[in-house]
Amino acid sequence: MIRLHKIAFLGLGLSATLAFAQPEFDLPTLESLAMSSSRSVQAAREQVNAARYAVDGAAAFPNPELEYLSGTARARGPAGNPGDARSVALTQPIDLPWRRSARIGAAEAGLDAAVAGSRMFEADLLARLRLRYFDVLRREAELKNAREDAALMEGVRSRIALRVQTGEAARFELIKSEAETLNAQKTAQAAGFRVEQARTLLRQVVGAALPAEFKLTSRLRDVPALIPLDSVRQQMDGGSPDLARSRAEVVRAERQLALERAQRWPGLALKAGMDEDPDTRVSKLGLVVSIPLWDRRSGPVGEAAAQLARAKNELEAQQFSLSQGLEIAYQQYEIALTQVTALESGIVRQSEAALKVAEAAYRFGERGFLEVLDAQRVFRAARAELIAARYELAAAWVDIERLRAAPGGNKE
């Protein structure tokens, strides 16, 4: 057991030596790194480029059609002249203004939806990154406390072992202290594994640009200040990418419905042609009209109308959901802040003072070892609750920032 303890602390010293040379990162640096190097972010931005080209495609005019026919003319009477016959025709479809404006409007609304979708993806990525960031800080705080508990229990075990050897304490206390020491070392080992797992998950979100070995400069208590609810609500109504995308989808559905209704009107095309045979050459110029006789486009028009109704309902649902989610996030923030304040100002300090009193009383023989263990458990539980409350506070801030979705992760 003592050998395991020595190995653990040798490993701690090696980790500290390695950490000294590790590059340091704070949250804004990691956010910038993710936005500039993440392949998933680049893929989302390419979707915006595709939507821009879709607008160019919608604004393009239809291409003309060239028709050429060649054959042989045979005389059916003595007056006819046999020979070659040719026919050339050029057809230019007319892009009607009401169809063109609706088509371009639908494509531009699709571009707006793609831009908002890209911002939504970036906001979600930043939210995942921030949660992983604070999760690493939480796991590191748990590891620090677990190592302190292991060192404390080892010291207590050593003192009890000495007292057992001199006959001042019963062997039962030594057995109990050894069990508690092993349990503390096991907890510290598990906390170390959780730290490595949290670091790997953070690197997965940031991307390969984040080195495998790194160090975070902040602490779990370093949660940015919260913006007032009214300001965030106004900012969310005007700049939320979720709402912007839903509104763009409504506009696109409206343009698509107008386009489908415009398709009911006859289509027009200019046509010029020339027919040539051995005796004559005929030039023609006319107008081609496509008559919507059999297909009145009732199906596409009905589908577009249904899509418009769906988009409007989704917009209203999104507005209500975001408003309620924002209030819930602020309530969660206030609850976590209250818990952190109570734990920091009273519970943790009182439990730590009670532990010191119990340890002092045990050294003077006024209390038993079991009372020291109970005081240690209370103190460990209070510290664990404080770490959990700080993480909940950070998670609530992350949720509020995700709903606010400031471009580029700005916090102003």
Protein backbone atom coordinates (compact mmCIF):
# COMPACT_ATOMS: atom_id res chain seq x y z
CA MET A 1 0.00 0.00 0.00
CA ILE A 2 2.81 2.38 0.87
CA ARG A 3 4.50 1.45 -2.40
CA LEU A 4 1.32 2.26 -4.32
CA HIS A 5 1.14 5.60 -2.57
CA LYS A 6 4.74 6.41 -3.45
CA ILE A 7 4.16 5.45 -7.06
CA ALA A 8 1.09 7.66 -7.19
CA PHE A 9 3.00 10.66 -5.93
CA LEU A 10 5.92 9.94 -8.27
CA GLY A 11 3.38 9.96 -11.10
CA LEU A 12 2.01 13.25 -9.78
CA GLY A 13 5.50 14.75 -9.86
CA LEU A 14 6.07 13.49 -13.40
CA SER A 15 2.72 14.94 -14.49
CA ALA A 16 3.63 18.28 -12.96
CA THR A 17 6.97 18.23 -14.81
CA LEU A 18 5.25 17.47 -18.12
CA ALA A 19 2.56 20.08 -17.49
CA PHE A 20 5.25 22.73 -17.04
CA ALA A 21 6.13 22.48 -20.72
CA GLN A 22 2.55 22.24 -21.99
CA PRO A 23 1.08 25.11 -24.04
CA GLU A 24 -1.54 27.11 -22.18
CA PHE A 25 -5.00 27.98 -23.50
CA ASP A 26 -7.89 30.05 -22.23
CA LEU A 27 -11.48 29.89 -23.41
CA PRO A 28 -11.35 32.69 -26.04
CA THR A 29 -8.22 31.17 -27.56
CA LEU A 30 -9.87 27.77 -27.85
CA GLU A 31 -12.95 29.34 -29.42
CA SER A 32 -10.85 31.13 -32.05
CA LEU A 33 -8.90 27.93 -32.68
CA ALA A 34 -12.07 25.94 -33.21
CA MET A 35 -13.62 28.55 -35.52
CA SER A 36 -10.50 28.72 -37.69
CA SER A 37 -9.46 25.07 -37.84
CA SER A 38 -12.55 22.91 -37.34
CA ARG A 39 -13.43 20.95 -40.46
CA SER A 40 -17.07 20.81 -39.46
CA VAL A 41 -17.20 24.63 -39.31
CA GLN A 42 -15.59 24.85 -42.73
CA ALA A 43 -18.13 22.37 -44.09
CA ALA A 44 -20.99 24.49 -42.74
CA ARG A 45 -19.51 27.59 -44.36
CA GLU A 46 -19.22 25.79 -47.69
CA GLN A 47 -22.95 25.21 -47.50
CA VAL A 48 -23.34 28.99 -47.50
CA ASN A 49 -21.17 29.22 -50.62
CA ALA A 50 -23.38 26.61 -52.27
CA ALA A 51 -26.44 28.73 -51.47
CA ARG A 52 -24.75 31.77 -53.03
CA TYR A 53 -24.18 29.86 -56.24
CA ALA A 54 -27.82 28.78 -56.10
CA VAL A 55 -28.78 32.46 -56.22
CA ASP A 56 -26.57 32.90 -59.29
CA GLY A 57 -28.26 29.93 -60.87
CA ALA A 58 -31.72 31.30 -60.14
CA ALA A 59 -30.80 34.65 -61.73
CA ALA A 60 -29.48 33.04 -64.94
CA PHE A 61 -31.52 33.48 -68.11
CA PRO A 62 -32.68 30.39 -70.02
CA ASN A 63 -30.45 29.23 -72.85
CA PRO A 64 -31.65 29.36 -76.48
CA GLU A 65 -32.36 26.17 -78.40
CA LEU A 66 -30.94 25.66 -81.88
CA GLU A 67 -32.55 23.14 -84.22
CA TYR A 68 -31.05 22.01 -87.53
CA LEU A 69 -32.58 19.50 -89.95
CA SER A 70 -31.14 18.32 -93.24
CA GLY A 71 -32.56 15.96 -95.85
CA THR A 72 -33.25 15.31 -99.54
CA ALA A 73 -36.06 16.74 -101.64
CA ARG A 74 -37.46 14.48 -104.41
CA ALA A 75 -39.62 15.80 -107.20
CA ARG A 76 -43.08 14.23 -107.52
CA GLY A 77 -43.85 15.89 -110.83
CA PRO A 78 -42.04 16.94 -113.97
CA ALA A 79 -41.90 20.55 -112.78
CA GLY A 80 -40.19 19.80 -109.49
CA ASN A 81 -36.47 20.00 -108.91
CA PRO A 82 -34.84 17.38 -106.70
CA GLY A 83 -31.99 18.33 -104.35
CA ASP A 84 -31.01 18.99 -100.77
CA ALA A 85 -33.40 20.49 -98.16
CA ARG A 86 -32.43 22.14 -94.91
CA SER A 87 -34.25 23.67 -91.95
CA VAL A 88 -32.80 25.84 -89.19
CA ALA A 89 -34.76 27.09 -86.14
CA LEU A 90 -33.75 29.10 -83.07
CA THR A 91 -35.99 29.21 -80.00
CA GLN A 92 -35.41 31.60 -77.12
CA PRO A 93 -37.60 31.03 -74.02
CA ILE A 94 -38.76 34.26 -72.39
CA ASP A 95 -38.05 34.53 -68.67
CA LEU A 96 -41.26 36.14 -67.47
CA PRO A 97 -40.65 38.79 -64.77
CA TRP A 98 -43.11 37.40 -62.20
CA ARG A 99 -41.53 33.94 -62.44
CA ARG A 100 -38.02 35.30 -62.37
CA SER A 101 -38.55 37.49 -59.30
CA ALA A 102 -40.20 34.64 -57.37
CA ARG A 103 -37.41 32.20 -58.32
CA ILE A 104 -34.65 34.61 -57.32
CA GLY A 105 -36.47 35.53 -54.10
CA ALA A 106 -36.72 31.86 -53.11
CA ALA A 107 -32.99 31.37 -53.75
CA GLU A 108 -32.07 34.49 -51.77
CA ALA A 109 -34.22 33.31 -48.87
CA GLY A 110 -32.41 29.98 -49.11
CA LEU A 111 -29.12 31.86 -48.82
CA ASP A 112 -30.38 33.65 -45.71
CA ALA A 113 -31.43 30.31 -44.25
CA ALA A 114 -28.01 28.83 -45.02
CA VAL A 115 -26.23 31.77 -43.35
CA ALA A 116 -28.44 31.42 -40.29
CA GLY A 117 -27.88 27.67 -40.30
CA SER A 118 -24.13 28.22 -40.33
CA ARG A 119 -24.43 30.58 -37.38
CA MET A 120 -26.58 28.02 -35.57
CA PHE A 121 -23.93 25.36 -36.12
CA GLU A 122 -21.18 27.66 -34.86
CA ALA A 123 -23.25 28.58 -31.78
CA ASP A 124 -23.88 24.91 -31.02
CA LEU A 125 -20.20 24.12 -31.52
CA LEU A 126 -19.19 26.93 -29.17
CA ALA A 127 -21.70 25.68 -26.60
CA ARG A 128 -20.26 22.14 -26.79
CA LEU A 129 -16.73 23.53 -26.57
CA ARG A 130 -17.54 25.65 -23.52
CA LEU A 131 -19.23 22.74 -21.76
CA ARG A 132 -16.22 20.53 -22.46
CA TYR A 133 -13.92 23.31 -21.29
CA PHE A 134 -15.68 23.70 -17.95
CA ASP A 135 -15.97 19.93 -17.66
CA VAL A 136 -12.16 19.69 -17.83
CA LEU A 137 -11.90 22.35 -15.13
CA ARG A 138 -14.43 20.44 -13.01
CA ARG A 139 -12.55 17.17 -13.41
CA GLU A 140 -9.24 18.85 -12.60
CA ALA A 141 -10.75 20.36 -9.43
CA GLU A 142 -12.07 16.93 -8.45
CA LEU A 143 -8.66 15.40 -9.08
CA LYS A 144 -6.96 18.05 -6.96
CA ASN A 145 -9.33 17.42 -4.05
CA ALA A 146 -9.01 13.65 -4.45
CA ARG A 147 -5.22 13.86 -4.27
CA GLU A 148 -5.43 16.09 -1.22
CA ASP A 149 -7.77 13.58 0.43
CA ALA A 150 -5.40 10.73 -0.44
CA ALA A 151 -2.43 12.61 1.02
CA LEU A 152 -4.44 13.48 4.13
CA MET A 153 -5.55 9.90 4.67
CA GLU A 154 -2.01 8.65 4.19
CA GLY A 155 -0.81 11.03 6.86
CA VAL A 156 -3.57 9.92 9.22
CA ARG A 157 -2.77 6.26 8.50
CA SER A 158 0.89 6.85 9.27
CA ARG A 159 0.08 8.47 12.60
CA ILE A 160 -2.34 5.69 13.53
CA ALA A 161 0.20 3.05 12.57
CA LEU A 162 2.71 4.70 14.90
CA ARG A 163 0.17 4.84 17.73
CA VAL A 164 -0.71 1.17 17.21
CA GLN A 165 2.96 0.23 17.45
CA THR A 166 3.28 2.10 20.73
CA GLY A 167 0.04 0.65 22.06
CA GLU A 168 -1.81 3.96 22.23
CA ALA A 169 -4.50 2.93 19.71
CA ALA A 170 -6.37 -0.23 18.83
CA ARG A 171 -5.51 -2.17 15.70
CA PHE A 172 -9.09 -1.69 14.51
CA GLU A 173 -8.32 1.97 13.88
CA LEU A 174 -5.34 1.01 11.72
CA ILE A 175 -7.44 -1.41 9.65
CA LYS A 176 -10.11 1.23 9.21
CA SER A 177 -7.56 3.90 8.23
CA GLU A 178 -5.91 1.56 5.71
CA ALA A 179 -9.29 0.88 4.10
CA GLU A 180 -10.07 4.59 3.94
CA THR A 181 -6.62 5.29 2.47
CA LEU A 182 -7.08 2.67 -0.23
CA ASN A 183 -10.51 4.11 -1.01
CA ALA A 184 -9.06 7.63 -1.28
CA GLN A 185 -6.30 6.41 -3.60
CA LYS A 186 -8.87 4.61 -5.74
CA THR A 187 -10.96 7.78 -5.94
CA ALA A 188 -7.90 9.80 -6.96
CA GLN A 189 -7.02 7.27 -9.66
CA ALA A 190 -10.57 7.37 -11.06
CA ALA A 191 -10.51 11.17 -10.98
CA GLY A 192 -7.30 11.11 -13.03
CA PHE A 193 -8.94 8.93 -15.66
CA ARG A 194 -11.93 11.27 -15.81
CA VAL A 195 -9.59 14.22 -16.37
CA GLU A 196 -7.97 12.47 -19.34
CA GLN A 197 -11.37 11.59 -20.76
CA ALA A 198 -12.60 15.19 -20.41
CA ARG A 199 -9.44 16.50 -22.10
CA THR A 200 -9.93 14.08 -25.00
CA LEU A 201 -13.55 15.17 -25.44
CA LEU A 202 -12.47 18.83 -25.45
CA ARG A 203 -9.86 18.14 -28.11
CA GLN A 204 -12.47 16.30 -30.15
CA VAL A 205 -14.62 19.46 -30.25
CA VAL A 206 -11.77 21.89 -30.93
CA GLY A 207 -10.08 19.78 -33.58
CA ALA A 208 -6.62 18.49 -34.39
CA ALA A 209 -5.13 21.99 -34.05
CA LEU A 210 -5.29 21.56 -30.27
CA PRO A 211 -2.24 19.52 -29.17
CA ALA A 212 -2.70 16.33 -27.19
CA GLU A 213 -0.89 17.83 -24.22
CA PHE A 214 -2.21 21.23 -23.12
CA LYS A 215 -3.04 23.24 -20.04
CA LEU A 216 -6.03 25.43 -19.25
CA THR A 217 -5.30 28.73 -17.57
CA SER A 218 -8.72 29.39 -16.03
CA ARG A 219 -10.43 27.93 -12.99
CA LEU A 220 -13.91 26.54 -12.60
CA ARG A 221 -14.97 29.60 -10.62
CA ASP A 222 -14.01 31.93 -13.51
CA VAL A 223 -17.47 32.10 -15.10
CA PRO A 224 -18.01 35.31 -17.13
CA ALA A 225 -20.49 37.87 -15.87
CA LEU A 226 -24.09 37.49 -16.93
CA ILE A 227 -25.87 40.00 -19.16
CA PRO A 228 -29.30 41.26 -17.93
CA LEU A 229 -32.27 39.22 -19.11
CA ASP A 230 -34.01 42.09 -20.92
CA SER A 231 -30.90 42.85 -22.97
CA VAL A 232 -30.44 39.21 -23.91
CA ARG A 233 -34.12 38.87 -24.84
CA GLN A 234 -33.92 41.88 -27.16
CA GLN A 235 -30.70 40.63 -28.67
CA MET A 236 -32.15 37.17 -29.16
CA ASP A 237 -35.27 38.50 -30.89
CA GLY A 238 -33.18 40.49 -33.35
CA GLY A 239 -30.15 38.29 -33.88
CA SER A 240 -30.90 34.71 -32.92
CA PRO A 241 -29.79 32.41 -35.76
CA ASP A 242 -32.59 29.99 -34.87
CA LEU A 243 -35.21 32.68 -35.42
CA ALA A 244 -33.37 34.05 -38.46
CA ARG A 245 -33.38 30.64 -40.08
CA SER A 246 -37.07 30.08 -39.33
CA ARG A 247 -37.95 33.50 -40.75
CA ALA A 248 -35.88 32.80 -43.86
CA GLU A 249 -37.68 29.49 -44.29
CA VAL A 250 -41.02 31.35 -44.15
CA VAL A 251 -39.85 33.80 -46.83
CA ARG A 252 -38.56 30.99 -49.01
CA ALA A 253 -41.87 29.13 -48.69
CA GLU A 254 -43.75 32.29 -49.67
CA ARG A 255 -41.53 32.79 -52.74
CA GLN A 256 -41.88 29.16 -53.70
CA LEU A 257 -45.66 29.39 -53.47
CA ALA A 258 -45.61 32.51 -55.66
CA LEU A 259 -43.39 30.69 -58.16
CA GLU A 260 -45.69 27.67 -58.32
CA ARG A 261 -48.70 29.92 -58.87
CA ALA A 262 -46.83 31.81 -61.59
CA GLN A 263 -46.18 28.49 -63.34
CA ARG A 264 -49.92 28.31 -64.07
CA TRP A 265 -49.60 31.13 -66.57
CA PRO A 266 -48.73 30.29 -70.18
CA GLY A 267 -45.06 30.19 -71.03
CA LEU A 268 -43.68 32.20 -73.95
CA ALA A 269 -40.76 31.72 -76.31
CA LEU A 270 -39.55 33.51 -79.45
CA LYS A 271 -38.83 31.29 -82.43
CA ALA A 272 -37.04 32.13 -85.66
CA GLY A 273 -36.48 29.64 -88.45
CA MET A 274 -35.51 29.19 -92.09
CA ASP A 275 -36.55 26.40 -94.47
CA GLU A 276 -34.61 25.89 -97.69
CA ASP A 277 -35.32 23.51 -100.61
CA PRO A 278 -34.09 23.48 -104.23
CA ASP A 279 -36.72 25.97 -105.33
CA THR A 280 -37.46 28.24 -102.36
CA ARG A 281 -36.09 29.70 -99.14
CA VAL A 282 -38.61 30.59 -96.40
CA SER A 283 -37.79 32.70 -93.31
CA LYS A 284 -40.13 32.59 -90.32
CA LEU A 285 -40.45 34.44 -87.02
CA GLY A 286 -43.07 33.63 -84.43
CA LEU A 287 -44.10 33.09 -80.85
CA VAL A 288 -44.39 29.75 -79.03
CA VAL A 289 -46.98 29.55 -76.27
CA SER A 290 -47.16 26.64 -73.83
CA ILE A 291 -50.80 26.22 -72.82
CA PRO A 292 -51.38 24.88 -69.26
CA LEU A 293 -54.34 22.82 -70.35
CA TRP A 294 -53.95 19.47 -68.60
CA ASP A 295 -51.55 20.33 -65.79
CA ARG A 296 -52.91 23.18 -63.67
CA ARG A 297 -50.14 22.56 -61.08
CA SER A 298 -52.64 22.01 -58.30
CA GLY A 299 -50.29 19.51 -56.69
CA PRO A 300 -47.16 21.73 -56.53
CA VAL A 301 -49.26 24.75 -55.47
CA GLY A 302 -50.89 22.77 -52.67
CA GLU A 303 -47.54 21.38 -51.56
CA ALA A 304 -46.01 24.87 -51.48
CA ALA A 305 -48.97 26.20 -49.47
CA ALA A 306 -48.59 23.38 -46.95
CA GLN A 307 -44.86 24.05 -46.67
CA LEU A 308 -45.60 27.72 -46.00
CA ALA A 309 -48.05 26.84 -43.23
CA ARG A 310 -45.47 24.46 -41.73
CA ALA A 311 -42.76 27.15 -41.80
CA LYS A 312 -45.03 29.67 -40.07
CA ASN A 313 -45.97 27.19 -37.35
CA GLU A 314 -42.32 26.28 -36.81
CA LEU A 315 -41.42 29.97 -36.50
CA GLU A 316 -44.03 30.52 -33.79
CA ALA A 317 -42.96 27.35 -31.99
CA GLN A 318 -39.31 28.42 -32.20
CA GLN A 319 -40.07 31.85 -30.77
CA PHE A 320 -41.96 30.36 -27.83
CA SER A 321 -39.35 27.66 -27.23
CA LEU A 322 -36.43 30.10 -27.22
CA SER A 323 -38.24 32.50 -24.90
CA GLN A 324 -39.02 29.74 -22.42
CA GLY A 325 -35.55 28.25 -22.75
CA LEU A 326 -33.98 31.62 -21.97
CA GLU A 327 -36.07 32.06 -18.83
CA ILE A 328 -35.27 28.50 -17.71
CA ALA A 329 -31.55 29.10 -18.27
CA TYR A 330 -31.66 32.29 -16.18
CA GLN A 331 -33.55 30.49 -13.43
CA GLN A 332 -30.98 27.70 -13.47
CA TYR A 333 -28.21 30.29 -13.28
CA GLU A 334 -29.81 31.94 -10.25
CA ILE A 335 -30.28 28.57 -8.53
CA ALA A 336 -26.66 27.57 -9.15
CA LEU A 337 -25.41 31.00 -8.05
CA THR A 338 -27.37 30.70 -4.80
CA GLN A 339 -25.89 27.26 -4.16
CA VAL A 340 -22.36 28.44 -4.89
CA THR A 341 -22.75 31.44 -2.59
CA ALA A 342 -24.13 29.32 0.23
CA LEU A 343 -21.43 26.69 -0.10
CA GLU A 344 -18.56 29.15 -0.42
CA SER A 345 -19.66 31.46 2.36
CA GLY A 346 -20.76 28.93 4.98
CA ILE A 347 -21.06 25.22 4.40
CA VAL A 348 -17.59 24.45 3.08
CA ARG A 349 -15.86 26.69 5.61
CA GLN A 350 -17.85 25.26 8.51
CA SER A 351 -17.23 21.67 7.46
CA GLU A 352 -13.51 22.41 7.05
CA ALA A 353 -13.39 24.01 10.50
CA ALA A 354 -15.23 21.00 11.96
CA LEU A 355 -12.65 18.69 10.36
CA LYS A 356 -9.76 20.65 11.85
CA VAL A 357 -11.39 20.55 15.29
CA ALA A 358 -11.96 16.79 15.00
CA GLU A 359 -8.37 16.20 13.91
CA ALA A 360 -7.01 18.30 16.78
CA ALA A 361 -9.25 16.53 19.28
CA TYR A 362 -8.10 13.16 17.92
CA ARG A 363 -4.45 14.09 18.31
CA PHE A 364 -5.07 14.98 21.94
CA GLY A 365 -7.08 11.82 22.49
CA GLU A 366 -10.39 13.58 23.08
CA ARG A 367 -12.14 12.10 20.01
CA GLY A 368 -12.06 8.79 18.22
CA PHE A 369 -10.91 8.08 14.69
CA LEU A 370 -14.45 7.43 13.49
CA GLU A 371 -15.41 11.00 14.31
CA VAL A 372 -12.48 12.22 12.22
CA LEU A 373 -13.67 10.06 9.31
CA ASP A 374 -17.20 11.45 9.64
CA ALA A 375 -15.86 15.00 9.57
CA GLN A 376 -13.75 14.18 6.53
CA ARG A 377 -16.74 12.73 4.69
CA VAL A 378 -18.81 15.84 5.42
CA PHE A 379 -16.00 18.07 4.19
CA ARG A 380 -15.47 16.01 1.02
CA ALA A 381 -19.21 16.03 0.31
CA ALA A 382 -19.35 19.82 0.74
CA ARG A 383 -16.42 20.35 -1.61
CA ALA A 384 -17.97 17.98 -4.15
CA GLU A 385 -21.27 19.91 -3.97
CA LEU A 386 -19.38 23.16 -4.49
CA ILE A 387 -17.65 21.82 -7.60
CA ALA A 388 -20.96 20.52 -8.96
CA ALA A 389 -22.69 23.85 -8.25
CA ARG A 390 -19.92 25.79 -9.98
CA TYR A 391 -20.21 23.53 -13.00
CA GLU A 392 -24.00 23.98 -13.07
CA LEU A 393 -23.45 27.74 -12.94
CA ALA A 394 -21.06 27.52 -15.90
CA ALA A 395 -23.47 25.25 -17.79
CA ALA A 396 -26.31 27.76 -17.31
CA TRP A 397 -24.07 30.55 -18.63
CA VAL A 398 -23.18 28.40 -21.64
CA ASP A 399 -26.86 27.78 -22.36
CA ILE A 400 -27.63 31.51 -22.18
CA GLU A 401 -24.75 32.29 -24.53
CA ARG A 402 -25.97 29.63 -26.95
CA LEU A 403 -29.44 31.21 -27.03
CA ARG A 404 -27.91 34.65 -27.39
CA ALA A 405 -25.62 33.36 -30.15
CA ALA A 406 -23.43 36.42 -30.57
CA PRO A 407 -21.56 36.17 -33.90
CA GLY A 408 -18.11 34.67 -33.46
CA GLY A 409 -18.68 33.94 -29.80
CA ASN A 410 -18.35 37.55 -28.66
CA LYS A 411 -19.42 38.28 -25.13
CA GLU A 412 -20.13 41.95 -25.41
